Amino acid sequence: MASRAAEDTEDPAMGRQGGSLHVEGGQRLEDALNPPELNPEEAKLYRREFTVMSWTFAINHATVTTPIIYASSVLTNSAGQAGNAVLYGATLICSLFFSTVAFGVLGAKKGLSLAMGLYAVYVFLFAVSASMCAEADAKGACLQGHPLQLPTVLFGSAIGGLGAGILWTCQGAFFASVCERVAKAESRQTQAVTAEFAGSFALVFLAAESAVRASATLLTKYAALNYAVVFYLFSFLAAGSTLAFMILATSLKGSQASSGSFCGKALSAVRLWKDPKIWLLQCTNLTFGFAAAWLGGYVGRNILTKALNSDFIGFAGALLSALASVLSKLLGLLAQRVGKGPVVALGSISFILLGLLSRLVGDPAAWGWGVLIFYVLMGVGRAVYESTNKAIFADFFQGEKSAGAFANVFVFGTGASTLAFVLGATQQDLPELYLLITFAVLTLPGFLVASAMKRGEAQES
């Protein structure tokens, strides 16, 4: 199907866009006079595929994000932060150079299946690493690890990073493709469908993550299982969700990337760098990358574990994910009513407060249960990142640009996290904090300038 040009504006005023007359909501005048026929069966098919992907993806991915927040505590701090740095670094490299190639060769279903399988291997090797803690303190933090703990977690993290780079690029391209197809089948504006689906996906995605993280606390604190056993169970869950996706999902016709040279596919993300809008929209991704590393590396070990106990890391992570799950749906609806700008501003403010309160205001480790405020703030910021932010990229970069655009989302986000975990592993906390706050401040201005450029390009064409 031919997709609407990425330069179409969301301005409500009638104007000239992409060479055609448009009316309210950005709809082309010829489409308004001759609306396309509704195709409920096709819409139902695409919505089913979206549901299958959402649930299996969410369960699989939840088993991976849980080890990340535990890494600096159940492993030694240096091994945990180094493992996370390799995980994000491998994701960065794969997203930039190999993910679009994998998508072009495998398509959405096979690409997602491969990536989810690699995730299962990562969680299994993390469990092996967790079993190698030789000495822990009274709060449950690992003080001394077996000599093989570090190489094991680094090897597993490299595999997980490779999977993550492929996973998110395939998922992003799949998301943009389904939104365009549903919009056509239901005769709706693509921007409205992206807002709806972004909220729905984030709701399922974060609800599953919340459940898995809460189960980590339940299994360790109340079922008295050690961390290694819990993560072995999670690896089996990841493998099961992968198998379910392979069985239930279908290879949608047309979901394969367009043909082209190996280098052309590999550099599809880089080619978008000549568009200044791709840079202006990256502040949310950079901020989220630094914030995720700050929460998992610094806040988890130096604030939450001291204030409560390492057993409560899963509970705090579950609170974060549950809040983000509910808010992502609500913010998706809000974005449809008031636009995406106010929602982006809310996320920016939350990330700024996370940074300021965790290091620059008093001694948070003495706040007791009050330390959960950091996970609440991250939950708000993450809801914006998972829903509205990704809907923005789907709006700005449609069609063949979608795979490269979503690869860039994770190139910048994982690049920020990689740098942050390296800084954390070398005890360079303040530079990490200042980078987090700086990009949070720049997020809204970047979005507003990019939106103005998009409108200007549409009026000139």
Foldseek 3Di string as FASTA:
>chain_A
DDFDDLLQAQDQPWAFFPNFTAHGRSHGPVCVVPPADAAVVQLVVLVVLLVLCLQLVLLLVLLQLLCLLLQVFLAPNLLSLVLLLLLLVLLLLCLQFPQLVLCQVQFLLRLQLQLLLLSLQLLLLSLVLSVFQPDHDPQRGRDDGDPCSNVSSNVSSNSNSNSNSNNQLSVQLSLLVSLRSSCSNHVHDSLLSQLQSLLVSLLSNLLSSLVLLVVLLCCCVPVVDGNSVSSNVSSVSSVVSSVSSNPPHDRDPPRHADDDDSRCSRNLLVVCVVPVLLVLLQLLLLLLLLLSLCCSNPCQPPAVCLLDGNSCSSVLSSVLSNLLSVVLNVLSVVCVPPNLLVLLLLLLVLLLCLLCVPPPDPRNNNVRVVSSSSSNSSSSNVSCCSRVSSSVLSSNAHDNSRSSSSSSSSSNNSVSNSVNSVCSSVVNNVVSSVSSNVSSVSNSVSVVVSSVVSNVVRNVD
